[in-house]
Amino acid sequence: MKTALANTPERIALREAITAICDRFDDAYWSELDTQHRFPHEFAQAIAEGGWLGIAMPQDYGGAGLGVTEASIMMQVVGASAGFFAACSTIHINIFGLHSIVKHGTDAQRREWLPKVISGEIRACFGVTEPDAGLDTTRIKTRAVRQGDRYVVHGQKLWTSTAQQAQKIVLLARTTPLEACARPTDGLTLFFADMDPKAVTVTEIPKMGRNAVNSNQTFIDGLEIPVEHRIGEEGKGFRYILDSLNPERILNAAEVIGMGRRALDKAARYAQERVVFGRPIGQNQSIQHPLAECWSELYAAELMTLHAAELYDSGQPCGAEANAAKYLAADAGFHACDRAIRTHGGMGYAREYHIERYFREMVACQLAPVSREMILNFIAERELGMPKSY
């Protein structure tokens, strides 16, 4: 399908390389994993073997040293594959989640951790969200208390994707009680900790879709973390995770655009093949017009996503653009999946055509990593000068 991307030979080669990997894993593969709730180890290994987990990592540590723009191209291709959101979720923590280490870690930390992450030897998960805090990150209760040369952590995290497979966790914990901080954002510290089974218990959350990639509750009881596994300075963890938020929004938007285009392509093909009352249903404007609207919405979302990525890569502020890209992409992708089911009629509800799996996975993109309502709050406050509403 046509893309808004200004192609260069390097970007064309990137798309072709990722497509070649993704094409090895078809709808039948992903449908089986979804049914069995089995992690896509084979797909993850194939991406790692190609060196793509380090696309945005520094070359000094084995990465490709490319920008968020190139990472977005990669993740859009992955989203447009049969793996849909499950495929994206298998790998995207490696693309953006360790940016805090790249930017704020010591050289020794980067040398020790980044090559292993890029090679796939180490898998990491992200431990920020908590049951009683949600998006109000300053209210997290997970507590890390320093005792000599280590911290001891107690607490709970929610929606820790891939925690069952991860050896490490990017963990945000409070090291200074909230009431003792001058500002709510103070006193939070970031760690790259071991998922020690003696102190960490992982329980899967049964959910609507994306069953090939687990989401979990993570209970932490007495986890010991060496001081040298702290990222940056104590108490500045909230500022450090902000470095990952804009690229996360941009990459998620790119993924969802790819997902929406796959659903739209399936719908368009079915509309040309399905004959009712002696004519293809795609000849009817009641089918054509909604699909054309979806094409337009996805294209517009892609333009905003690429704009946000270019701003980020050039070191310019991009908070509003990154959030707007995520907002537009989530809505466009959802509309495309919804319309794909409607175009297929009853067969869209059947597993045979895989559209129902796409739809179940797409629903999550309206909710995570940030809801559309919170994005609108952010834009209203930051770009329109309106009073804070939460």
Protein backbone atom coordinates (compact mmCIF):
# COMPACT_ATOMS: atom_id res chain seq x y z
CA MET A 1 0.00 0.00 0.00
CA LYS A 2 1.16 3.56 -0.73
CA THR A 3 3.05 5.21 2.12
CA ALA A 4 3.75 8.83 3.05
CA LEU A 5 7.41 7.96 3.55
CA ALA A 6 9.99 9.78 1.48
CA ASN A 7 11.91 6.69 0.43
CA THR A 8 15.67 6.51 0.10
CA PRO A 9 17.59 3.42 -1.04
CA GLU A 10 18.51 2.75 2.59
CA ARG A 11 14.90 2.97 3.77
CA ILE A 12 13.68 0.76 0.93
CA ALA A 13 16.31 -1.82 1.90
CA LEU A 14 15.21 -1.57 5.53
CA ARG A 15 11.57 -2.23 4.66
CA GLU A 16 12.50 -5.14 2.41
CA ALA A 17 14.72 -6.75 5.05
CA ILE A 18 12.07 -6.54 7.79
CA THR A 19 9.35 -7.70 5.40
CA ALA A 20 11.42 -10.75 4.48
CA ILE A 21 11.65 -11.74 8.15
CA CYS A 22 7.98 -11.07 8.91
CA ASP A 23 6.81 -13.02 5.86
CA ARG A 24 8.29 -16.17 7.39
CA PHE A 25 5.60 -16.02 10.09
CA ASP A 26 2.13 -16.16 8.58
CA ASP A 27 -1.39 -15.78 9.95
CA ALA A 28 -1.56 -19.48 10.81
CA TYR A 29 1.57 -19.17 12.98
CA TRP A 30 0.26 -16.18 14.90
CA SER A 31 -3.25 -17.59 15.23
CA GLU A 32 -1.86 -20.77 16.77
CA LEU A 33 0.21 -18.80 19.26
CA ASP A 34 -2.78 -16.64 20.15
CA THR A 35 -4.88 -19.73 20.81
CA GLN A 36 -2.16 -21.48 22.81
CA HIS A 37 -1.02 -18.34 24.68
CA ARG A 38 2.53 -19.18 23.54
CA PHE A 39 5.28 -16.59 23.24
CA PRO A 40 6.72 -16.08 19.70
CA HIS A 41 10.28 -17.12 20.49
CA GLU A 42 11.01 -17.98 16.86
CA PHE A 43 10.00 -14.53 15.63
CA ALA A 44 11.93 -12.78 18.40
CA GLN A 45 15.03 -14.80 17.57
CA ALA A 46 14.75 -14.03 13.86
CA ILE A 47 14.60 -10.29 14.54
CA ALA A 48 17.54 -10.51 16.94
CA GLU A 49 19.63 -12.54 14.50
CA GLY A 50 19.13 -9.82 11.92
CA GLY A 51 20.53 -7.27 14.38
CA TRP A 52 17.30 -5.26 14.30
CA LEU A 53 16.77 -5.03 18.07
CA GLY A 54 19.52 -2.44 18.10
CA ILE A 55 18.24 -0.29 15.25
CA ALA A 56 18.20 2.84 17.42
CA MET A 57 21.08 1.85 19.71
CA PRO A 58 24.58 3.39 19.45
CA GLN A 59 27.01 1.69 17.09
CA ASP A 60 29.65 1.57 19.83
CA TYR A 61 27.59 -1.10 21.59
CA GLY A 62 26.55 -3.14 18.56
CA GLY A 63 23.56 -1.11 17.42
CA ALA A 64 22.81 0.43 14.04
CA GLY A 65 22.89 3.99 15.36
CA LEU A 66 19.79 4.99 13.38
CA GLY A 67 17.00 7.30 14.47
CA VAL A 68 13.42 6.98 15.61
CA THR A 69 12.37 7.65 12.00
CA GLU A 70 14.04 4.43 10.85
CA ALA A 71 12.76 2.57 13.90
CA SER A 72 9.25 3.77 13.00
CA ILE A 73 9.64 2.43 9.48
CA MET A 74 10.67 -0.91 10.92
CA MET A 75 7.81 -1.08 13.40
CA GLN A 76 5.24 -0.05 10.78
CA VAL A 77 6.34 -3.00 8.67
CA VAL A 78 6.09 -5.32 11.68
CA GLY A 79 2.60 -3.97 12.46
CA ALA A 80 1.51 -4.59 8.88
CA SER A 81 2.58 -8.23 9.10
CA ALA A 82 0.47 -11.21 10.14
CA GLY A 83 1.80 -10.81 13.67
CA PHE A 84 -0.05 -7.52 14.06
CA PHE A 85 0.20 -6.04 17.60
CA ALA A 86 1.58 -9.26 19.10
CA ALA A 87 4.61 -9.07 16.81
CA CYS A 88 5.18 -5.42 17.71
CA SER A 89 4.87 -6.12 21.43
CA THR A 90 7.41 -8.92 21.16
CA ILE A 91 10.20 -6.49 20.34
CA HIS A 92 9.30 -2.84 20.87
CA ILE A 93 10.52 -2.59 24.49
CA ASN A 94 14.02 -3.22 23.07
CA ILE A 95 13.59 -0.35 20.61
CA PHE A 96 12.65 2.44 23.03
CA GLY A 97 12.60 1.10 26.60
CA LEU A 98 16.34 1.18 27.20
CA HIS A 99 16.86 4.73 25.96
CA SER A 100 17.27 5.80 29.59
CA ILE A 101 20.36 3.58 29.79
CA VAL A 102 21.71 4.94 26.51
CA LYS A 103 21.28 8.52 27.71
CA HIS A 104 21.83 8.34 31.47
CA GLY A 105 23.67 5.10 32.14
CA THR A 106 27.40 4.85 32.72
CA ASP A 107 29.68 3.61 29.98
CA ALA A 108 30.26 0.45 32.01
CA GLN A 109 26.51 -0.16 32.18
CA ARG A 110 26.10 0.41 28.47
CA ARG A 111 28.99 -1.94 27.65
CA GLU A 112 27.59 -4.65 29.93
CA TRP A 113 23.90 -4.48 29.03
CA LEU A 114 23.29 -3.05 25.58
CA PRO A 115 25.15 -5.66 23.47
CA LYS A 116 23.27 -8.45 25.25
CA VAL A 117 19.94 -6.75 24.67
CA ILE A 118 20.74 -6.15 21.00
CA SER A 119 21.77 -9.77 20.47
CA GLY A 120 18.64 -11.06 22.19
CA GLU A 121 20.64 -12.69 24.99
CA ILE A 122 18.83 -10.46 27.50
CA ARG A 123 15.15 -9.66 27.32
CA ALA A 124 13.85 -6.75 29.36
CA CYS A 125 10.40 -5.72 30.54
CA PHE A 126 9.15 -2.34 31.75
CA GLY A 127 8.01 -1.89 35.36
CA VAL A 128 6.33 1.48 35.86
CA THR A 129 2.52 1.16 36.02
CA GLU A 130 0.90 0.15 39.32
CA PRO A 131 -2.67 -0.84 40.28
CA ASP A 132 -3.35 2.25 42.42
CA ALA A 133 -1.46 4.78 40.30
CA GLY A 134 -2.23 4.18 36.63
CA LEU A 135 -0.99 7.15 34.62
CA ASP A 136 -0.38 9.15 37.83
CA THR A 137 3.18 7.88 38.00
CA THR A 138 4.20 10.12 40.89
CA ARG A 139 1.81 8.12 43.12
CA ILE A 140 3.51 4.77 42.71
CA LYS A 141 4.07 2.87 45.94
CA THR A 142 6.88 0.48 45.03
CA ARG A 143 9.60 1.38 47.52
CA ALA A 144 13.38 0.98 47.21
CA VAL A 145 15.35 1.45 50.42
CA ARG A 146 19.11 1.72 50.27
CA GLN A 147 21.00 -0.58 52.60
CA GLY A 148 24.72 -0.14 52.13
CA ASP A 149 25.77 -1.07 48.61
CA ARG A 150 22.32 -2.21 47.51
CA TYR A 151 18.66 -1.30 47.46
CA VAL A 152 15.89 -3.54 48.77
CA VAL A 153 12.61 -3.25 46.88
CA HIS A 154 9.03 -4.10 47.82
CA GLY A 155 5.98 -3.37 45.70
CA GLN A 156 3.83 -4.33 42.77
CA LYS A 157 3.70 -3.53 39.06
CA LEU A 158 0.87 -3.99 36.58
CA TRP A 159 0.78 -4.65 32.82
CA THR A 160 4.40 -5.75 32.69
CA SER A 161 4.40 -7.23 29.19
CA THR A 162 6.81 -10.13 28.51
CA ALA A 163 7.71 -10.38 32.21
CA GLN A 164 7.50 -14.18 31.96
CA GLN A 165 10.34 -14.22 29.43
CA ALA A 166 12.40 -11.29 30.75
CA GLN A 167 15.65 -11.61 32.65
CA LYS A 168 15.75 -7.89 33.46
CA ILE A 169 13.27 -5.16 34.35
CA VAL A 170 13.51 -1.41 33.84
CA LEU A 171 12.08 -0.61 37.25
CA LEU A 172 10.85 2.69 38.62
CA ALA A 173 10.58 2.85 42.41
CA ARG A 174 10.24 5.53 45.04
CA THR A 175 13.40 6.06 47.08
CA THR A 176 12.11 9.09 48.97
CA PRO A 177 8.56 9.14 50.40
CA LEU A 178 6.24 11.41 48.47
CA GLU A 179 5.46 13.53 51.53
CA ALA A 180 9.19 14.27 51.96
CA CYS A 181 9.63 15.55 48.39
CA ALA A 182 9.50 19.18 47.29
CA ARG A 183 7.76 18.09 44.10
CA PRO A 184 5.77 14.93 43.35
CA THR A 185 8.16 14.08 40.52
CA ASP A 186 11.13 14.01 42.90
CA GLY A 187 12.26 10.94 44.82
CA LEU A 188 11.70 8.36 42.05
CA THR A 189 14.67 6.25 40.99
CA LEU A 190 15.21 4.07 37.93
CA PHE A 191 16.94 0.67 37.99
CA PHE A 192 17.87 -2.08 35.56
CA ALA A 193 17.22 -5.01 37.87
CA ASP A 194 17.34 -8.77 37.67
CA MET A 195 14.03 -10.65 37.59
CA ASP A 196 15.15 -12.76 40.53
CA PRO A 197 12.51 -15.51 40.97
CA LYS A 198 13.25 -15.66 44.72
CA ALA A 199 11.92 -12.11 45.12
CA VAL A 200 9.78 -11.53 42.01
CA THR A 201 6.50 -13.33 41.31
CA VAL A 202 4.82 -12.94 37.92
CA THR A 203 1.13 -13.66 37.41
CA GLU A 204 -0.45 -13.44 33.97
CA ILE A 205 -3.50 -11.22 33.43
CA PRO A 206 -6.16 -12.97 31.29
CA LYS A 207 -7.12 -10.49 28.60
CA MET A 208 -9.09 -9.88 25.43
CA GLY A 209 -6.36 -10.23 22.84
CA ARG A 210 -2.65 -10.28 22.03
CA ASN A 211 -2.48 -13.60 23.85
CA ALA A 212 0.83 -14.59 22.28
CA VAL A 213 2.50 -11.87 24.37
CA ASN A 214 1.72 -12.02 28.07
CA SER A 215 0.70 -9.10 30.27
CA ASN A 216 1.29 -9.56 33.96
CA GLN A 217 1.03 -8.48 37.54
CA THR A 218 4.51 -8.44 39.04
CA PHE A 219 4.91 -8.76 42.81
CA ILE A 220 8.26 -7.71 44.30
CA ASP A 221 9.15 -8.83 47.81
CA GLY A 222 12.64 -8.03 49.02
CA LEU A 223 14.37 -7.75 45.63
CA GLU A 224 17.99 -6.70 46.16
CA ILE A 225 19.47 -4.40 43.53
CA PRO A 226 23.17 -3.44 43.60
CA VAL A 227 23.79 0.30 43.59
CA GLU A 228 25.71 -0.08 40.33
CA HIS A 229 22.46 -1.21 38.68
CA ARG A 230 20.83 2.15 39.38
CA ILE A 231 20.41 4.26 36.23
CA GLY A 232 21.66 7.80 36.73
CA GLU A 233 21.18 9.66 39.99
CA GLU A 234 18.94 8.69 42.83
CA GLY A 235 15.65 10.58 42.83
CA LYS A 236 15.73 11.60 39.15
CA GLY A 237 14.06 8.53 37.67
CA PHE A 238 10.88 10.34 36.64
CA ARG A 239 12.89 12.68 34.42
CA TYR A 240 14.71 9.72 32.91
CA ILE A 241 11.59 7.82 31.89
CA LEU A 242 10.32 10.94 30.13
CA ASP A 243 13.13 10.40 27.62
CA SER A 244 11.39 7.20 26.53
CA LEU A 245 7.84 8.51 26.34
CA ASN A 246 7.97 10.48 23.09
CA PRO A 247 9.73 7.73 21.09
CA GLU A 248 7.31 5.22 22.61
CA ARG A 249 4.34 7.26 21.38
CA ILE A 250 5.87 7.64 17.92
CA LEU A 251 6.75 3.96 17.55
CA ASN A 252 3.33 2.88 18.79
CA ALA A 253 1.69 5.18 16.24
CA ALA A 254 3.80 3.66 13.47
CA GLU A 255 2.85 0.16 14.58
CA VAL A 256 -0.85 0.95 14.61
CA ILE A 257 -0.70 2.53 11.15
CA GLY A 258 0.82 -0.69 9.83
CA MET A 259 -1.84 -2.72 11.61
CA GLY A 260 -4.62 -0.56 10.20
CA ARG A 261 -3.26 -0.92 6.70
CA ARG A 262 -3.14 -4.69 6.96
CA ALA A 263 -6.78 -4.78 8.04
CA LEU A 264 -7.70 -2.35 5.27
CA ASP A 265 -5.88 -4.41 2.63
CA LYS A 266 -7.71 -7.54 3.76
CA ALA A 267 -11.03 -5.71 3.54
CA ALA A 268 -10.32 -4.28 0.08
CA ARG A 269 -9.32 -7.67 -1.30
CA TYR A 270 -12.37 -9.37 0.18
CA ALA A 271 -14.64 -6.65 -1.24
CA GLN A 272 -13.33 -7.37 -4.73
CA GLU A 273 -13.71 -11.14 -4.36
CA ARG A 274 -17.04 -11.42 -2.55
CA VAL A 275 -19.97 -11.53 -4.99
CA VAL A 276 -23.53 -10.89 -3.76
CA PHE A 277 -26.55 -10.22 -5.97
CA GLY A 278 -24.40 -10.87 -9.03
CA ARG A 279 -21.75 -8.19 -8.34
CA PRO A 280 -18.67 -7.72 -6.15
CA ILE A 281 -19.63 -5.97 -2.93
CA GLY A 282 -16.72 -3.59 -3.55
CA GLN A 283 -18.73 -2.12 -6.41
CA ASN A 284 -21.13 -0.66 -3.86
CA GLN A 285 -20.36 2.82 -2.56
CA SER A 286 -21.55 1.78 0.90
CA ILE A 287 -18.45 -0.46 0.94
CA GLN A 288 -16.11 1.80 -1.04
CA HIS A 289 -16.58 5.04 0.85
CA PRO A 290 -15.84 3.78 4.40
CA LEU A 291 -12.70 2.01 3.15
CA ALA A 292 -11.58 5.16 1.34
CA GLU A 293 -12.10 7.11 4.56
CA CYS A 294 -9.91 4.62 6.41
CA TRP A 295 -7.17 5.01 3.79
CA SER A 296 -7.27 8.78 4.23
CA GLU A 297 -7.20 8.63 8.03
CA LEU A 298 -4.23 6.25 8.06
CA TYR A 299 -2.31 8.41 5.60
CA ALA A 300 -2.89 11.54 7.68
CA ALA A 301 -1.79 9.71 10.86
CA GLU A 302 1.36 8.54 9.10
CA LEU A 303 2.25 12.10 8.11
CA MET A 304 1.98 13.25 11.73
CA THR A 305 4.00 10.25 12.91
CA LEU A 306 6.82 10.91 10.47
CA HIS A 307 6.79 14.60 11.39
CA ALA A 308 7.07 13.76 15.09
CA ALA A 309 9.90 11.28 14.39
CA GLU A 310 11.83 13.86 12.36
CA LEU A 311 11.44 16.43 15.15
CA TYR A 312 12.69 13.93 17.72
CA ASP A 313 15.68 12.89 15.61
CA SER A 314 16.68 16.52 15.06
CA GLY A 315 16.56 17.23 18.80
CA GLN A 316 13.52 19.50 18.66
CA PRO A 317 10.54 19.45 21.07
CA CYS A 318 7.95 16.95 19.87
CA GLY A 319 5.66 16.18 22.82
CA ALA A 320 2.48 17.47 21.21
CA GLU A 321 3.28 15.94 17.84
CA ALA A 322 4.20 12.55 19.32
CA ASN A 323 0.99 12.46 21.33
CA ALA A 324 -1.11 13.63 18.40
CA ALA A 325 0.44 10.92 16.22
CA LYS A 326 -0.53 8.27 18.74
CA TYR A 327 -4.06 9.71 19.03
CA LEU A 328 -4.64 9.89 15.27
CA ALA A 329 -3.12 6.47 14.60
CA ALA A 330 -5.13 4.70 17.30
CA ASP A 331 -8.40 6.08 15.99
CA ALA A 332 -7.51 5.42 12.35
CA GLY A 333 -6.36 1.89 13.09
CA PHE A 334 -9.45 1.10 15.12
CA HIS A 335 -11.73 2.42 12.36
CA ALA A 336 -9.89 0.30 9.79
CA CYS A 337 -10.27 -2.89 11.85
CA ASP A 338 -13.92 -2.16 12.60
CA ARG A 339 -14.63 -1.54 8.93
CA ALA A 340 -12.71 -4.66 7.92
CA ILE A 341 -15.00 -6.78 10.08
CA ARG A 342 -18.08 -5.07 8.65
CA THR A 343 -16.83 -5.58 5.10
CA HIS A 344 -16.38 -9.30 5.74
CA GLY A 345 -19.85 -9.51 7.29
CA GLY A 346 -20.36 -12.70 9.27
CA MET A 347 -17.00 -14.08 8.16
CA GLY A 348 -15.30 -11.14 9.84
CA TYR A 349 -16.48 -12.63 13.12
CA ALA A 350 -14.98 -16.01 12.24
CA ARG A 351 -11.39 -16.94 13.01
CA GLU A 352 -10.83 -18.18 9.49
CA TYR A 353 -10.10 -14.70 8.12
CA HIS A 354 -8.08 -13.51 11.16
CA ILE A 355 -9.84 -10.14 11.22
CA GLU A 356 -11.34 -10.88 14.63
CA ARG A 357 -7.83 -11.43 16.03
CA TYR A 358 -6.70 -8.13 14.55
CA PHE A 359 -9.67 -6.34 16.07
CA ARG A 360 -9.09 -7.82 19.53
CA GLU A 361 -5.48 -6.67 19.45
CA MET A 362 -6.32 -3.24 18.05
CA VAL A 363 -8.61 -2.43 21.00
CA ALA A 364 -5.57 -2.28 23.30
CA CYS A 365 -4.05 0.50 21.19
CA GLN A 366 -6.88 2.84 22.17
CA LEU A 367 -5.94 2.31 25.81
CA ALA A 368 -2.18 1.93 25.95
CA PRO A 369 0.44 3.19 26.46
CA VAL A 370 -1.70 6.26 27.10
CA SER A 371 -5.43 6.78 26.59
CA ARG A 372 -6.80 9.12 23.95
CA GLU A 373 -8.44 11.19 26.68
CA MET A 374 -5.15 11.86 28.45
CA ILE A 375 -3.60 12.85 25.14
CA LEU A 376 -6.38 15.38 24.59
CA ASN A 377 -5.80 16.71 28.12
CA PHE A 378 -2.10 17.15 27.34
CA ILE A 379 -2.66 18.96 24.03
CA ALA A 380 -5.38 21.20 25.48
CA GLU A 381 -3.09 22.27 28.31
CA ARG A 382 0.25 22.53 26.47
CA GLU A 383 -0.83 23.74 23.04
CA LEU A 384 -4.08 25.61 23.72
CA GLY A 385 -3.15 27.14 27.05
CA MET A 386 -6.13 25.69 28.88
CA PRO A 387 -6.09 24.97 32.63
CA LYS A 388 -4.96 21.55 33.77
CA SER A 389 -7.98 19.30 34.09
CA TYR A 390 -6.61 16.44 36.18
